[in-house]
Amino acid sequence: APTCPASSPGLPSSVVFFLSLAMAAAGARSRSRSPRTGVALEGLETVVVNLDRRPDRWERVQKMLSEQAPFLKVSRFSASDGSKMEIPESEIAMTWNTKHNALYGDYDDEKFTDPGVVYKMSGGERGCAHSHYRIWKMAAERTEPLFVVEDDATFDFDRTGDNGKFSGKLFRERFEGALREVPRDIDVLYLGWSGHREGNFKHMDWTPQKETKFIKKAEYVWTTIAYVLWPAGARKLLEAAQPMNQPVDNFMAWE
């Protein structure tokens, strides 16, 4: 099982975007800082979420990153193990209500939206949420963004249709393109997601001010497989997480 178990398909905000990895590359590779955010991809601080009891997963992802993204400054982050440790309820709730997530997920009964159905969070869900919560605390104290990667991420895979194979080279081109396009006040940039390709616009009516080649605005997307978190975004998440009252991907999407 992955470090963070997937919840059901989970910042409707003007400053949340996701990177469209499936789009064609545009422009030459650049090693300079983003003119908008001042972020340099070379040496970008990257933390990989990994359980102590899964050294095999760390070995795999470390090898993949060294081959596909050697420009990143990678370190391992020891994940909270929800099955083995006590996690404070003041930080991560024991239960969650479906009423927010049901506005975007495929539920078969109105009760999931109003008043919502209460589920107990599993040890894995609470451990995953607590791992990211601890990372947000780190990110909030920084002056530069932090790249968060879970240990089942991969940058080399077969793309859908006739699009061939994805690779570290394409990853870098798109990542650098995204950093050139994001607004100055961005909070989080998702590099992996589950949801509609156009950002899962189900309730929000939004028209882009200009066309972008690498990023799309997101209303509500799931998974925390890989995202870049800016300090301001981390502080907003921590302020809302008192406690975190949904699985972490749902919580991030909603808040």
Protein backbone atom coordinates (compact mmCIF):
# COMPACT_ATOMS: atom_id res chain seq x y z
CA ALA A 1 0.00 0.00 0.00
CA PRO A 2 1.19 3.56 -0.63
CA THR A 3 2.46 5.71 2.23
CA CYS A 4 -0.74 7.73 1.95
CA PRO A 5 -3.81 5.61 1.15
CA ALA A 6 -6.12 7.09 -1.45
CA SER A 7 -9.37 8.44 -0.10
CA SER A 8 -12.45 8.70 -2.24
CA PRO A 9 -12.05 10.80 -5.43
CA GLY A 10 -9.85 14.68 -3.06
CA LEU A 11 -7.98 25.20 -2.00
CA PRO A 12 -10.93 26.17 -4.22
CA SER A 13 -8.92 29.37 -4.48
CA SER A 14 -7.52 31.73 -7.05
CA VAL A 15 -4.00 30.64 -6.17
CA VAL A 16 -4.18 26.86 -6.57
CA PHE A 17 -3.04 25.32 -9.82
CA PHE A 18 -2.00 21.96 -11.13
CA LEU A 19 0.72 21.18 -13.63
CA SER A 20 -0.55 19.63 -16.83
CA LEU A 21 2.11 16.99 -17.38
CA ALA A 22 0.35 15.60 -20.43
CA MET A 23 0.64 18.80 -22.46
CA ALA A 24 3.25 19.44 -25.13
CA ALA A 25 6.43 21.19 -24.11
CA ALA A 26 6.86 24.83 -25.00
CA GLY A 27 10.08 26.78 -25.21
CA ALA A 28 13.64 25.86 -24.42
CA ARG A 29 14.78 24.60 -21.05
CA SER A 30 15.85 27.35 -18.69
CA ARG A 31 18.02 27.14 -15.58
CA SER A 32 17.15 30.65 -14.44
CA ARG A 33 14.72 31.55 -11.69
CA SER A 34 11.05 32.05 -12.46
CA PRO A 35 10.47 35.73 -13.33
CA ARG A 36 7.16 35.58 -11.43
CA THR A 37 7.97 33.70 -8.24
CA GLY A 38 11.77 33.81 -8.08
CA VAL A 39 11.87 30.03 -7.69
CA ALA A 40 14.79 28.09 -9.17
CA LEU A 41 14.19 24.45 -10.09
CA GLU A 42 17.89 23.60 -9.74
CA GLY A 43 18.41 22.58 -6.12
CA LEU A 44 14.72 22.87 -5.21
CA GLU A 45 14.31 21.52 -1.67
CA THR A 46 12.42 18.24 -1.98
CA VAL A 47 11.15 15.97 0.80
CA VAL A 48 10.04 12.39 0.16
CA VAL A 49 7.42 11.02 2.56
CA ASN A 50 8.44 7.51 3.55
CA LEU A 51 7.60 5.15 6.41
CA ASP A 52 10.54 3.82 8.43
CA ARG A 53 9.25 0.29 7.87
CA ARG A 54 9.38 0.69 4.08
CA PRO A 55 13.07 1.13 3.19
CA ASP A 56 12.33 -0.66 -0.10
CA ARG A 57 10.09 2.20 -1.21
CA TRP A 58 12.72 4.77 -0.27
CA GLU A 59 15.38 2.85 -2.21
CA ARG A 60 13.15 2.77 -5.32
CA VAL A 61 12.12 6.43 -5.27
CA GLN A 62 15.64 7.61 -4.42
CA LYS A 63 17.01 5.73 -7.43
CA MET A 64 14.24 7.10 -9.68
CA LEU A 65 14.82 10.69 -8.56
CA SER A 66 18.60 10.45 -8.94
CA GLU A 67 18.13 9.22 -12.51
CA GLN A 68 15.14 11.30 -13.63
CA ALA A 69 15.49 14.50 -11.57
CA PRO A 70 19.09 14.89 -10.36
CA PHE A 71 18.59 18.67 -10.22
CA LEU A 72 16.40 18.35 -7.12
CA LYS A 73 17.83 18.53 -3.58
CA VAL A 74 16.21 15.42 -2.12
CA SER A 75 15.92 14.30 1.48
CA ARG A 76 13.85 11.63 3.19
CA PHE A 77 11.02 12.62 5.54
CA SER A 78 10.13 10.01 8.15
CA ALA A 79 6.36 9.58 7.85
CA SER A 80 4.01 9.31 10.81
CA ASP A 81 2.97 5.68 11.15
CA GLY A 82 -0.70 5.77 12.12
CA SER A 83 -0.74 2.06 12.92
CA LYS A 84 2.11 2.31 15.45
CA MET A 85 2.05 5.78 17.03
CA GLU A 86 -0.35 7.99 18.92
CA ILE A 87 -1.38 11.00 16.85
CA PRO A 88 -2.84 13.97 18.75
CA GLU A 89 -6.54 14.52 18.09
CA SER A 90 -5.84 18.24 18.38
CA GLU A 91 -3.91 17.92 15.11
CA ILE A 92 -5.72 15.13 13.24
CA ALA A 93 -9.37 14.26 13.94
CA MET A 94 -10.51 10.69 14.46
CA THR A 95 -13.51 11.03 12.10
CA TRP A 96 -14.51 12.95 8.99
CA ASN A 97 -17.78 13.99 7.37
CA THR A 98 -18.46 13.43 3.66
CA LYS A 99 -20.54 16.59 3.12
CA HIS A 100 -17.75 18.62 1.49
CA ASN A 101 -16.22 15.82 -0.55
CA ALA A 102 -19.65 14.69 -1.77
CA LEU A 103 -20.04 17.97 -3.66
CA TYR A 104 -17.34 16.72 -6.02
CA GLY A 105 -17.26 12.93 -5.70
CA ASP A 106 -19.67 10.39 -7.14
CA TYR A 107 -21.91 9.48 -4.22
CA ASP A 108 -25.18 7.62 -4.74
CA ASP A 109 -27.30 9.20 -2.02
CA GLU A 110 -28.10 12.79 -0.99
CA LYS A 111 -27.35 11.90 2.64
CA PHE A 112 -23.63 12.03 1.85
CA THR A 113 -24.02 15.78 1.11
CA ASP A 114 -26.67 16.74 3.65
CA PRO A 115 -26.11 16.16 6.51
CA GLY A 116 -23.16 14.04 5.44
CA VAL A 117 -22.00 10.64 6.60
CA VAL A 118 -19.39 10.37 9.33
CA TYR A 119 -16.58 7.88 8.82
CA LYS A 120 -13.77 6.89 11.13
CA MET A 121 -10.36 7.72 9.71
CA SER A 122 -8.11 4.71 9.42
CA GLY A 123 -4.65 4.55 10.94
CA GLY A 124 -3.19 4.94 7.48
CA GLU A 125 -5.31 8.02 6.72
CA ARG A 126 -4.41 9.66 10.04
CA GLY A 127 -0.74 8.83 9.61
CA CYS A 128 -0.72 10.27 6.10
CA ALA A 129 -2.53 13.41 7.25
CA HIS A 130 -0.13 13.86 10.18
CA SER A 131 2.91 13.42 7.93
CA HIS A 132 1.73 16.25 5.68
CA TYR A 133 0.71 18.35 8.67
CA ARG A 134 4.27 18.11 9.99
CA ILE A 135 5.64 19.04 6.57
CA TRP A 136 3.36 22.08 6.45
CA LYS A 137 4.91 23.22 9.72
CA MET A 138 8.34 23.00 8.11
CA ALA A 139 7.16 24.80 4.98
CA ALA A 140 5.53 27.62 6.97
CA GLU A 141 8.91 28.53 8.50
CA ARG A 142 10.72 28.71 5.17
CA THR A 143 11.23 31.60 2.78
CA GLU A 144 11.26 29.37 -0.31
CA PRO A 145 8.69 26.78 -1.46
CA LEU A 146 9.03 23.10 -0.60
CA PHE A 147 8.47 20.25 -3.05
CA VAL A 148 6.61 17.38 -1.36
CA VAL A 149 6.75 13.90 -2.95
CA GLU A 150 5.26 10.63 -1.73
CA ASP A 151 7.37 7.51 -2.09
CA ASP A 152 5.18 5.87 -4.75
CA ALA A 153 5.68 8.74 -7.22
CA THR A 154 7.37 8.09 -10.54
CA PHE A 155 8.49 10.39 -13.33
CA ASP A 156 9.02 7.66 -15.92
CA PHE A 157 5.84 5.98 -17.14
CA ASP A 158 3.82 5.15 -20.24
CA ARG A 159 1.47 7.98 -21.11
CA THR A 160 -2.08 7.47 -22.28
CA GLY A 161 -2.98 7.05 -25.94
CA ASP A 162 -0.14 7.49 -28.42
CA ASN A 163 1.76 10.01 -26.32
CA GLY A 164 4.74 7.76 -25.71
CA LYS A 165 6.73 7.56 -22.49
CA PHE A 166 7.09 10.26 -19.89
CA SER A 167 10.59 10.95 -18.57
CA GLY A 168 12.67 13.15 -16.33
CA LYS A 169 13.51 15.37 -19.32
CA LEU A 170 9.84 16.06 -19.99
CA PHE A 171 9.20 16.45 -16.29
CA ARG A 172 11.83 19.17 -16.05
CA GLU A 173 10.55 21.01 -19.12
CA ARG A 174 7.00 21.09 -17.81
CA PHE A 175 7.99 21.89 -14.24
CA GLU A 176 10.11 24.85 -15.36
CA GLY A 177 7.33 25.98 -17.69
CA ALA A 178 4.84 25.83 -14.83
CA LEU A 179 7.06 27.91 -12.55
CA ARG A 180 7.25 30.56 -15.28
CA GLU A 181 3.45 30.69 -15.53
CA VAL A 182 2.25 30.56 -11.93
CA PRO A 183 1.06 33.84 -10.36
CA ARG A 184 3.11 35.61 -7.72
CA ASP A 185 0.55 34.88 -5.00
CA ILE A 186 0.40 31.12 -5.57
CA ASP A 187 -0.08 28.87 -2.55
CA VAL A 188 0.25 25.37 -3.97
CA LEU A 189 1.07 23.74 -7.30
CA TYR A 190 -0.09 20.15 -7.74
CA LEU A 191 2.13 17.97 -9.90
CA GLY A 192 -0.12 14.95 -9.64
CA TRP A 193 -3.86 14.75 -9.22
CA SER A 194 -7.00 12.72 -9.62
CA GLY A 195 -9.93 14.54 -11.18
CA HIS A 196 -10.99 16.09 -14.45
CA ARG A 197 -8.13 17.31 -16.63
CA GLU A 198 -9.53 20.83 -16.74
CA GLY A 199 -9.33 21.18 -12.95
CA ASN A 200 -12.52 19.44 -11.89
CA PHE A 201 -14.68 22.56 -12.36
CA LYS A 202 -18.01 21.36 -11.06
CA HIS A 203 -19.34 24.43 -9.24
CA MET A 204 -16.96 27.26 -10.08
CA ASP A 205 -17.34 29.36 -13.22
CA TRP A 206 -13.86 30.50 -14.19
CA THR A 207 -12.40 31.83 -17.42
CA PRO A 208 -8.62 32.13 -17.67
CA GLN A 209 -7.30 35.64 -18.20
CA LYS A 210 -4.79 34.24 -20.65
CA GLU A 211 -3.90 30.88 -22.14
CA THR A 212 -1.27 28.85 -20.33
CA LYS A 213 0.70 25.91 -21.68
CA PHE A 214 1.69 24.17 -18.48
CA ILE A 215 -0.73 24.97 -15.68
CA LYS A 216 -4.47 24.83 -15.14
CA LYS A 217 -6.49 26.34 -12.34
CA ALA A 218 -7.90 23.73 -9.96
CA GLU A 219 -11.20 23.87 -8.13
CA TYR A 220 -11.00 20.50 -6.37
CA VAL A 221 -8.53 17.69 -7.02
CA TRP A 222 -7.48 14.57 -5.12
CA THR A 223 -4.21 12.93 -4.06
CA THR A 224 -1.06 14.33 -2.46
CA ILE A 225 1.41 12.38 -4.58
CA ALA A 226 3.46 15.49 -5.46
CA TYR A 227 2.94 19.20 -4.83
CA VAL A 228 4.93 22.38 -4.35
CA LEU A 229 3.89 24.31 -1.24
CA TRP A 230 4.70 27.97 -0.69
CA PRO A 231 5.10 29.28 2.90
CA ALA A 232 1.92 31.37 2.71
CA GLY A 233 -0.05 28.33 1.59
CA ALA A 234 1.39 26.24 4.42
CA ARG A 235 0.34 28.84 6.97
CA LYS A 236 -3.20 28.91 5.58
CA LEU A 237 -3.48 25.13 5.79
CA LEU A 238 -2.18 25.07 9.36
CA GLU A 239 -4.61 27.78 10.39
CA ALA A 240 -7.49 25.72 9.02
CA ALA A 241 -6.22 22.40 10.44
CA GLN A 242 -7.37 22.80 14.03
CA PRO A 243 -7.70 19.88 13.76
CA MET A 244 -7.46 18.48 10.22
CA ASN A 245 -10.93 17.01 9.91
CA GLN A 246 -10.75 15.14 6.59
CA PRO A 247 -8.26 12.87 4.84
CA VAL A 248 -5.41 15.14 3.78
CA ASP A 249 -6.18 15.30 0.05
CA ASN A 250 -9.83 16.14 0.69
CA PHE A 251 -8.79 18.70 3.29
CA MET A 252 -6.34 20.44 0.95
CA ALA A 253 -8.85 20.45 -1.88
CA TRP A 254 -11.58 21.96 0.28
CA GLU A 255 -9.53 24.51 2.20
